[in-house]
Amino acid sequence: MDRHDRELLQLAADGELLYHKGTWGDPAGYRWRGADGTEAGVVPPWEADHLDALADRGLISIERRLGPFDCRVTTTGAGRSALSVQAA
């Protein structure tokens, strides 16, 4: 895992990311989370590609939610373990 992946993993751990499911006419994808908990901008495609890779590796997950709302992006147990190993 490189420094960039660790930074994105830490952002997920800190609750700084959302996932928009593509409802209400906006395209699906990752969003930055603002201080008030709502969307604060679109994550650039090159960052989204890294986040998809982290999800594929089981290090982050997208909250399962019914309805049109944005879903939280969180770290999994494996992701938290990877962060603690990197910090040591």
PDB file of N, CA and C in Angstrom:
ATOM      1  N   MET A   1       0.858  -1.163   0.000  1.00  0.00           N
ATOM      2  CA  MET A   1       0.000   0.000   0.000  1.00  0.00           C
ATOM      3  C   MET A   1       0.906   1.228   0.000  1.00  0.00           C
ATOM      4  N   ASP A   2       0.648   2.144  -0.919  1.00  0.00           N
ATOM      5  CA  ASP A   2       1.475   3.349  -0.972  1.00  0.00           C
ATOM      6  C   ASP A   2       0.880   4.472  -0.112  1.00  0.00           C
ATOM      7  N   ARG A   3       1.605   5.558  -0.027  1.00  0.00           N
ATOM      8  CA  ARG A   3       1.205   6.696   0.805  1.00  0.00           C
ATOM      9  C   ARG A   3      -0.164   7.237   0.395  1.00  0.00           C
ATOM     10  N   HIS A   4      -0.413   7.313  -0.891  1.00  0.00           N
ATOM     11  CA  HIS A   4      -1.685   7.835  -1.390  1.00  0.00           C
ATOM     12  C   HIS A   4      -2.848   6.954  -0.925  1.00  0.00           C
ATOM     13  N   ASP A   5      -2.699   5.648  -1.037  1.00  0.00           N
ATOM     14  CA  ASP A   5      -3.737   4.732  -0.572  1.00  0.00           C
ATOM     15  C   ASP A   5      -3.973   4.884   0.928  1.00  0.00           C
ATOM     16  N   ARG A   6      -2.897   5.033   1.698  1.00  0.00           N
ATOM     17  CA  ARG A   6      -3.039   5.223   3.145  1.00  0.00           C
ATOM     18  C   ARG A   6      -3.799   6.502   3.456  1.00  0.00           C
ATOM     19  N   GLU A   7      -3.515   7.573   2.709  1.00  0.00           N
ATOM     20  CA  GLU A   7      -4.215   8.841   2.934  1.00  0.00           C
ATOM     21  C   GLU A   7      -5.711   8.697   2.663  1.00  0.00           C
ATOM     22  N   LEU A   8      -6.062   8.023   1.570  1.00  0.00           N
ATOM     23  CA  LEU A   8      -7.481   7.817   1.258  1.00  0.00           C
ATOM     24  C   LEU A   8      -8.147   6.907   2.283  1.00  0.00           C
ATOM     25  N   LEU A   9      -7.429   5.899   2.725  1.00  0.00           N
ATOM     26  CA  LEU A   9      -7.954   5.009   3.757  1.00  0.00           C
ATOM     27  C   LEU A   9      -8.197   5.781   5.051  1.00  0.00           C
ATOM     28  N   GLN A  10      -7.289   6.675   5.385  1.00  0.00           N
ATOM     29  CA  GLN A  10      -7.465   7.491   6.590  1.00  0.00           C
ATOM     30  C   GLN A  10      -8.649   8.434   6.447  1.00  0.00           C
ATOM     31  N   LEU A  11      -8.858   9.000   5.252  1.00  0.00           N
ATOM     32  CA  LEU A  11     -10.028   9.854   5.019  1.00  0.00           C
ATOM     33  C   LEU A  11     -11.326   9.077   5.238  1.00  0.00           C
ATOM     34  N   ALA A  12     -11.357   7.835   4.779  1.00  0.00           N
ATOM     35  CA  ALA A  12     -12.535   6.990   5.011  1.00  0.00           C
ATOM     36  C   ALA A  12     -12.708   6.727   6.503  1.00  0.00           C
ATOM     37  N   ALA A  13     -11.613   6.442   7.191  1.00  0.00           N
ATOM     38  CA  ALA A  13     -11.663   6.175   8.632  1.00  0.00           C
ATOM     39  C   ALA A  13     -12.149   7.404   9.400  1.00  0.00           C
ATOM     40  N   ASP A  14     -11.797   8.579   8.909  1.00  0.00           N
ATOM     41  CA  ASP A  14     -12.190   9.828   9.566  1.00  0.00           C
ATOM     42  C   ASP A  14     -13.591  10.293   9.178  1.00  0.00           C
ATOM     43  N   GLY A  15     -14.273   9.541   8.308  1.00  0.00           N
ATOM     44  CA  GLY A  15     -15.634   9.901   7.918  1.00  0.00           C
ATOM     45  C   GLY A  15     -15.715  11.053   6.935  1.00  0.00           C
ATOM     46  N   GLU A  16     -14.678  11.251   6.139  1.00  0.00           N
ATOM     47  CA  GLU A  16     -14.610  12.380   5.223  1.00  0.00           C
ATOM     48  C   GLU A  16     -15.166  12.084   3.834  1.00  0.00           C
ATOM     49  N   LEU A  17     -15.669  10.860   3.613  1.00  0.00           N
ATOM     50  CA  LEU A  17     -16.125  10.464   2.285  1.00  0.00           C
ATOM     51  C   LEU A  17     -17.565   9.975   2.308  1.00  0.00           C
ATOM     52  N   LEU A  18     -18.270  10.257   1.238  1.00  0.00           N
ATOM     53  CA  LEU A  18     -19.627   9.764   1.015  1.00  0.00           C
ATOM     54  C   LEU A  18     -19.653   9.091  -0.348  1.00  0.00           C
ATOM     55  N   TYR A  19     -20.704   8.321  -0.590  1.00  0.00           N
ATOM     56  CA  TYR A  19     -20.921   7.757  -1.917  1.00  0.00           C
ATOM     57  C   TYR A  19     -22.336   8.109  -2.341  1.00  0.00           C
ATOM     58  N   HIS A  20     -22.434   8.786  -3.468  1.00  0.00           N
ATOM     59  CA  HIS A  20     -23.732   9.163  -4.021  1.00  0.00           C
ATOM     60  C   HIS A  20     -24.181   8.046  -4.957  1.00  0.00           C
ATOM     61  N   LYS A  21     -25.402   7.542  -4.746  1.00  0.00           N
ATOM     62  CA  LYS A  21     -25.880   6.373  -5.475  1.00  0.00           C
ATOM     63  C   LYS A  21     -26.386   6.674  -6.882  1.00  0.00           C
ATOM     64  N   GLY A  22     -26.402   7.924  -7.286  1.00  0.00           N
ATOM     65  CA  GLY A  22     -26.821   8.238  -8.642  1.00  0.00           C
ATOM     66  C   GLY A  22     -28.290   8.576  -8.774  1.00  0.00           C
ATOM     67  N   THR A  23     -28.940   8.810  -7.675  1.00  0.00           N
ATOM     68  CA  THR A  23     -30.341   9.221  -7.724  1.00  0.00           C
ATOM     69  C   THR A  23     -30.437  10.730  -7.860  1.00  0.00           C
ATOM     70  N   TRP A  24     -31.582  11.220  -8.150  1.00  0.00           N
ATOM     71  CA  TRP A  24     -31.845  12.645  -8.295  1.00  0.00           C
ATOM     72  C   TRP A  24     -31.082  13.269  -9.456  1.00  0.00           C
ATOM     73  N   GLY A  25     -30.732  12.479 -10.449  1.00  0.00           N
ATOM     74  CA  GLY A  25     -30.128  13.016 -11.663  1.00  0.00           C
ATOM     75  C   GLY A  25     -28.621  13.199 -11.641  1.00  0.00           C
ATOM     76  N   ASP A  26     -27.998  13.122 -10.493  1.00  0.00           N
ATOM     77  CA  ASP A  26     -26.539  13.228 -10.426  1.00  0.00           C
ATOM     78  C   ASP A  26     -25.917  11.859 -10.675  1.00  0.00           C
ATOM     79  N   PRO A  27     -24.723  11.835 -11.275  1.00  0.00           N
ATOM     80  CA  PRO A  27     -24.079  10.537 -11.494  1.00  0.00           C
ATOM     81  C   PRO A  27     -23.609   9.919 -10.172  1.00  0.00           C
ATOM     82  N   ALA A  28     -23.566   8.602 -10.161  1.00  0.00           N
ATOM     83  CA  ALA A  28     -23.074   7.898  -8.981  1.00  0.00           C
ATOM     84  C   ALA A  28     -21.584   8.165  -8.818  1.00  0.00           C
ATOM     85  N   GLY A  29     -21.117   8.154  -7.583  1.00  0.00           N
ATOM     86  CA  GLY A  29     -19.698   8.314  -7.334  1.00  0.00           C
ATOM     87  C   GLY A  29     -19.396   8.834  -5.946  1.00  0.00           C
ATOM     88  N   TYR A  30     -18.118   8.916  -5.669  1.00  0.00           N
ATOM     89  CA  TYR A  30     -17.642   9.372  -4.365  1.00  0.00           C
ATOM     90  C   TYR A  30     -17.749  10.885  -4.255  1.00  0.00           C
ATOM     91  N   ARG A  31     -18.046  11.343  -3.041  1.00  0.00           N
ATOM     92  CA  ARG A  31     -18.146  12.771  -2.744  1.00  0.00           C
ATOM     93  C   ARG A  31     -17.369  13.059  -1.460  1.00  0.00           C
ATOM     94  N   TRP A  32     -16.862  14.284  -1.362  1.00  0.00           N
ATOM     95  CA  TRP A  32     -16.265  14.739  -0.110  1.00  0.00           C
ATOM     96  C   TRP A  32     -17.400  15.071   0.844  1.00  0.00           C
ATOM     97  N   ARG A  33     -17.217  14.807   2.113  1.00  0.00           N
ATOM     98  CA  ARG A  33     -18.215  15.113   3.139  1.00  0.00           C
ATOM     99  C   ARG A  33     -17.852  16.438   3.790  1.00  0.00           C
ATOM    100  N   GLY A  34     -18.829  17.333   3.848  1.00  0.00           N
ATOM    101  CA  GLY A  34     -18.621  18.632   4.474  1.00  0.00           C
ATOM    102  C   GLY A  34     -18.755  18.553   5.987  1.00  0.00           C
ATOM    103  N   ALA A  35     -18.452  19.648   6.643  1.00  0.00           N
ATOM    104  CA  ALA A  35     -18.509  19.709   8.106  1.00  0.00           C
ATOM    105  C   ALA A  35     -19.914  19.438   8.639  1.00  0.00           C
ATOM    106  N   ASP A  36     -20.923  19.776   7.840  1.00  0.00           N
ATOM    107  CA  ASP A  36     -22.307  19.552   8.268  1.00  0.00           C
ATOM    108  C   ASP A  36     -22.829  18.165   7.887  1.00  0.00           C
ATOM    109  N   GLY A  37     -21.984  17.327   7.306  1.00  0.00           N
ATOM    110  CA  GLY A  37     -22.357  15.968   6.961  1.00  0.00           C
ATOM    111  C   GLY A  37     -22.924  15.788   5.566  1.00  0.00           C
ATOM    112  N   THR A  38     -23.085  16.879   4.821  1.00  0.00           N
ATOM    113  CA  THR A  38     -23.619  16.789   3.471  1.00  0.00           C
ATOM    114  C   THR A  38     -22.483  16.821   2.455  1.00  0.00           C
ATOM    115  N   GLU A  39     -22.829  16.603   1.202  1.00  0.00           N
ATOM    116  CA  GLU A  39     -21.837  16.631   0.123  1.00  0.00           C
ATOM    117  C   GLU A  39     -21.126  17.973   0.070  1.00  0.00           C
ATOM    118  N   ALA A  40     -19.814  17.917  -0.165  1.00  0.00           N
ATOM    119  CA  ALA A  40     -19.030  19.143  -0.263  1.00  0.00           C
ATOM    120  C   ALA A  40     -18.180  19.153  -1.529  1.00  0.00           C
ATOM    121  N   GLY A  41     -18.546  18.341  -2.499  1.00  0.00           N
ATOM    122  CA  GLY A  41     -17.810  18.310  -3.749  1.00  0.00           C
ATOM    123  C   GLY A  41     -17.579  16.889  -4.229  1.00  0.00           C
ATOM    124  N   VAL A  42     -17.267  16.781  -5.502  1.00  0.00           N
ATOM    125  CA  VAL A  42     -17.053  15.489  -6.134  1.00  0.00           C
ATOM    126  C   VAL A  42     -15.578  15.095  -6.018  1.00  0.00           C
ATOM    127  N   VAL A  43     -15.340  13.856  -5.643  1.00  0.00           N
ATOM    128  CA  VAL A  43     -13.982  13.321  -5.599  1.00  0.00           C
ATOM    129  C   VAL A  43     -13.512  13.151  -7.046  1.00  0.00           C
ATOM    130  N   PRO A  44     -12.319  13.637  -7.399  1.00  0.00           N
ATOM    131  CA  PRO A  44     -11.830  13.516  -8.776  1.00  0.00           C
ATOM    132  C   PRO A  44     -11.733  12.051  -9.219  1.00  0.00           C
ATOM    133  N   PRO A  45     -11.873  11.813 -10.517  1.00  0.00           N
ATOM    134  CA  PRO A  45     -11.867  10.429 -11.032  1.00  0.00           C
ATOM    135  C   PRO A  45     -10.631   9.621 -10.643  1.00  0.00           C
ATOM    136  N   TRP A  46      -9.449  10.228 -10.640  1.00  0.00           N
ATOM    137  CA  TRP A  46      -8.241   9.474 -10.296  1.00  0.00           C
ATOM    138  C   TRP A  46      -8.248   9.056  -8.831  1.00  0.00           C
ATOM    139  N   GLU A  47      -8.872   9.854  -7.967  1.00  0.00           N
ATOM    140  CA  GLU A  47      -9.017   9.462  -6.558  1.00  0.00           C
ATOM    141  C   GLU A  47     -10.072   8.370  -6.437  1.00  0.00           C
ATOM    142  N   ALA A  48     -11.159   8.495  -7.209  1.00  0.00           N
ATOM    143  CA  ALA A  48     -12.224   7.495  -7.183  1.00  0.00           C
ATOM    144  C   ALA A  48     -11.695   6.127  -7.612  1.00  0.00           C
ATOM    145  N   ASP A  49     -10.799   6.113  -8.581  1.00  0.00           N
ATOM    146  CA  ASP A  49     -10.200   4.845  -9.014  1.00  0.00           C
ATOM    147  C   ASP A  49      -9.440   4.176  -7.865  1.00  0.00           C
ATOM    148  N   HIS A  50      -8.719   4.972  -7.097  1.00  0.00           N
ATOM    149  CA  HIS A  50      -7.997   4.429  -5.941  1.00  0.00           C
ATOM    150  C   HIS A  50      -8.975   3.923  -4.883  1.00  0.00           C
ATOM    151  N   LEU A  51     -10.075   4.677  -4.671  1.00  0.00           N
ATOM    152  CA  LEU A  51     -11.074   4.243  -3.697  1.00  0.00           C
ATOM    153  C   LEU A  51     -11.743   2.941  -4.143  1.00  0.00           C
ATOM    154  N   ASP A  52     -12.020   2.811  -5.439  1.00  0.00           N
ATOM    155  CA  ASP A  52     -12.578   1.560  -5.950  1.00  0.00           C
ATOM    156  C   ASP A  52     -11.618   0.399  -5.692  1.00  0.00           C
ATOM    157  N   ALA A  53     -10.325   0.637  -5.874  1.00  0.00           N
ATOM    158  CA  ALA A  53      -9.326  -0.412  -5.628  1.00  0.00           C
ATOM    159  C   ALA A  53      -9.294  -0.791  -4.146  1.00  0.00           C
ATOM    160  N   LEU A  54      -9.411   0.199  -3.256  1.00  0.00           N
ATOM    161  CA  LEU A  54      -9.462  -0.095  -1.822  1.00  0.00           C
ATOM    162  C   LEU A  54     -10.704  -0.910  -1.487  1.00  0.00           C
ATOM    163  N   ALA A  55     -11.826  -0.584  -2.122  1.00  0.00           N
ATOM    164  CA  ALA A  55     -13.062  -1.347  -1.904  1.00  0.00           C
ATOM    165  C   ALA A  55     -12.909  -2.771  -2.426  1.00  0.00           C
ATOM    166  N   ASP A  56     -12.295  -2.920  -3.594  1.00  0.00           N
ATOM    167  CA  ASP A  56     -12.082  -4.258  -4.166  1.00  0.00           C
ATOM    168  C   ASP A  56     -11.193  -5.111  -3.269  1.00  0.00           C
ATOM    169  N   ARG A  57     -10.269  -4.473  -2.572  1.00  0.00           N
ATOM    170  CA  ARG A  57      -9.367  -5.190  -1.670  1.00  0.00           C
ATOM    171  C   ARG A  57      -9.991  -5.417  -0.289  1.00  0.00           C
ATOM    172  N   GLY A  58     -11.217  -4.930  -0.096  1.00  0.00           N
ATOM    173  CA  GLY A  58     -11.915  -5.132   1.173  1.00  0.00           C
ATOM    174  C   GLY A  58     -11.447  -4.232   2.293  1.00  0.00           C
ATOM    175  N   LEU A  59     -10.819  -3.093   1.951  1.00  0.00           N
ATOM    176  CA  LEU A  59     -10.315  -2.183   2.980  1.00  0.00           C
ATOM    177  C   LEU A  59     -11.298  -1.075   3.326  1.00  0.00           C
ATOM    178  N   ILE A  60     -12.203  -0.744   2.412  1.00  0.00           N
ATOM    179  CA  ILE A  60     -13.277   0.204   2.683  1.00  0.00           C
ATOM    180  C   ILE A  60     -14.590  -0.416   2.223  1.00  0.00           C
ATOM    181  N   SER A  61     -15.677   0.106   2.751  1.00  0.00           N
ATOM    182  CA  SER A  61     -16.988  -0.350   2.305  1.00  0.00           C
ATOM    183  C   SER A  61     -17.920   0.842   2.216  1.00  0.00           C
ATOM    184  N   ILE A  62     -18.933   0.677   1.388  1.00  0.00           N
ATOM    185  CA  ILE A  62     -19.963   1.696   1.217  1.00  0.00           C
ATOM    186  C   ILE A  62     -21.189   1.218   1.971  1.00  0.00           C
ATOM    187  N   GLU A  63     -21.673   2.062   2.843  1.00  0.00           N
ATOM    188  CA  GLU A  63     -22.844   1.743   3.648  1.00  0.00           C
ATOM    189  C   GLU A  63     -24.008   1.313   2.744  1.00  0.00           C
ATOM    190  N   ARG A  64     -24.679   0.271   3.130  1.00  0.00           N
ATOM    191  CA  ARG A  64     -25.868  -0.164   2.397  1.00  0.00           C
ATOM    192  C   ARG A  64     -27.058   0.599   2.954  1.00  0.00           C
ATOM    193  N   ARG A  65     -27.715   1.330   2.092  1.00  0.00           N
ATOM    194  CA  ARG A  65     -28.833   2.146   2.534  1.00  0.00           C
ATOM    195  C   ARG A  65     -29.887   2.153   1.444  1.00  0.00           C
ATOM    196  N   LEU A  66     -31.119   2.030   1.848  1.00  0.00           N
ATOM    197  CA  LEU A  66     -32.222   2.151   0.916  1.00  0.00           C
ATOM    198  C   LEU A  66     -32.609   3.618   0.819  1.00  0.00           C
ATOM    199  N   GLY A  67     -32.956   4.051  -0.335  1.00  0.00           N
ATOM    200  CA  GLY A  67     -33.390   5.433  -0.505  1.00  0.00           C
ATOM    201  C   GLY A  67     -32.356   6.263  -1.228  1.00  0.00           C
ATOM    202  N   PRO A  68     -32.680   7.525  -1.437  1.00  0.00           N
ATOM    203  CA  PRO A  68     -31.869   8.389  -2.294  1.00  0.00           C
ATOM    204  C   PRO A  68     -30.694   9.084  -1.610  1.00  0.00           C
ATOM    205  N   PHE A  69     -30.450   8.792  -0.368  1.00  0.00           N
ATOM    206  CA  PHE A  69     -29.446   9.552   0.366  1.00  0.00           C
ATOM    207  C   PHE A  69     -28.029   9.064   0.094  1.00  0.00           C
ATOM    208  N   ASP A  70     -27.071   9.943   0.364  1.00  0.00           N
ATOM    209  CA  ASP A  70     -25.670   9.567   0.235  1.00  0.00           C
ATOM    210  C   ASP A  70     -25.322   8.541   1.309  1.00  0.00           C
ATOM    211  N   CYS A  71     -24.449   7.632   0.956  1.00  0.00           N
ATOM    212  CA  CYS A  71     -24.019   6.570   1.859  1.00  0.00           C
ATOM    213  C   CYS A  71     -22.627   6.886   2.403  1.00  0.00           C
ATOM    214  N   ARG A  72     -22.400   6.539   3.642  1.00  0.00           N
ATOM    215  CA  ARG A  72     -21.077   6.740   4.228  1.00  0.00           C
ATOM    216  C   ARG A  72     -20.097   5.726   3.657  1.00  0.00           C
ATOM    217  N   VAL A  73     -18.864   6.153   3.509  1.00  0.00           N
ATOM    218  CA  VAL A  73     -17.773   5.264   3.143  1.00  0.00           C
ATOM    219  C   VAL A  73     -16.960   5.053   4.417  1.00  0.00           C
ATOM    220  N   THR A  74     -16.790   3.803   4.810  1.00  0.00           N
ATOM    221  CA  THR A  74     -16.106   3.493   6.062  1.00  0.00           C
ATOM    222  C   THR A  74     -14.982   2.493   5.825  1.00  0.00           C
ATOM    223  N   THR A  75     -14.101   2.395   6.794  1.00  0.00           N
ATOM    224  CA  THR A  75     -13.061   1.377   6.723  1.00  0.00           C
ATOM    225  C   THR A  75     -13.621   0.075   7.288  1.00  0.00           C
ATOM    226  N   THR A  76     -13.157  -1.009   6.756  1.00  0.00           N
ATOM    227  CA  THR A  76     -13.515  -2.330   7.269  1.00  0.00           C
ATOM    228  C   THR A  76     -12.515  -2.705   8.356  1.00  0.00           C
ATOM    229  N   GLY A  77     -12.719  -3.853   8.967  1.00  0.00           N
ATOM    230  CA  GLY A  77     -11.747  -4.342   9.939  1.00  0.00           C
ATOM    231  C   GLY A  77     -10.367  -4.484   9.320  1.00  0.00           C
ATOM    232  N   ALA A  78     -10.329  -4.985   8.087  1.00  0.00           N
ATOM    233  CA  ALA A  78      -9.043  -5.127   7.386  1.00  0.00           C
ATOM    234  C   ALA A  78      -8.415  -3.767   7.118  1.00  0.00           C
ATOM    235  N   GLY A  79      -9.234  -2.774   6.807  1.00  0.00           N
ATOM    236  CA  GLY A  79      -8.725  -1.430   6.573  1.00  0.00           C
ATOM    237  C   GLY A  79      -8.169  -0.797   7.838  1.00  0.00           C
ATOM    238  N   ARG A  80      -8.875  -0.987   8.954  1.00  0.00           N
ATOM    239  CA  ARG A  80      -8.370  -0.457  10.225  1.00  0.00           C
ATOM    240  C   ARG A  80      -7.079  -1.152  10.627  1.00  0.00           C
ATOM    241  N   SER A  81      -7.006  -2.434  10.352  1.00  0.00           N
ATOM    242  CA  SER A  81      -5.789  -3.189  10.646  1.00  0.00           C
ATOM    243  C   SER A  81      -4.628  -2.681   9.796  1.00  0.00           C
ATOM    244  N   ALA A  82      -4.883  -2.435   8.507  1.00  0.00           N
ATOM    245  CA  ALA A  82      -3.838  -1.923   7.622  1.00  0.00           C
ATOM    246  C   ALA A  82      -3.342  -0.569   8.089  1.00  0.00           C
ATOM    247  N   LEU A  83      -4.246   0.287   8.553  1.00  0.00           N
ATOM    248  CA  LEU A  83      -3.833   1.604   9.054  1.00  0.00           C
ATOM    249  C   LEU A  83      -2.982   1.458  10.324  1.00  0.00           C
ATOM    250  N   SER A  84      -3.375   0.561  11.221  1.00  0.00           N
ATOM    251  CA  SER A  84      -2.612   0.429  12.460  1.00  0.00           C
ATOM    252  C   SER A  84      -1.231  -0.179  12.197  1.00  0.00           C
ATOM    253  N   VAL A  85      -1.132  -1.079  11.245  1.00  0.00           N
ATOM    254  CA  VAL A  85       0.174  -1.649  10.888  1.00  0.00           C
ATOM    255  C   VAL A  85       1.064  -0.566  10.287  1.00  0.00           C
ATOM    256  N   GLN A  86       0.489   0.285   9.431  1.00  0.00           N
ATOM    257  CA  GLN A  86       1.263   1.353   8.795  1.00  0.00           C
ATOM    258  C   GLN A  86       1.715   2.387   9.834  1.00  0.00           C
ATOM    259  N   ALA A  87       0.908   2.608  10.861  1.00  0.00           N
ATOM    260  CA  ALA A  87       1.269   3.602  11.874  1.00  0.00           C
ATOM    261  C   ALA A  87       2.385   3.105  12.779  1.00  0.00           C
ATOM    262  N   ALA A  88       2.494   1.799  12.912  1.00  0.00           N
ATOM    263  CA  ALA A  88       3.518   1.229  13.816  1.00  0.00           C
ATOM    264  C   ALA A  88       4.912   1.314  13.256  1.00  0.00           C
TER     265      ALA A  88
END
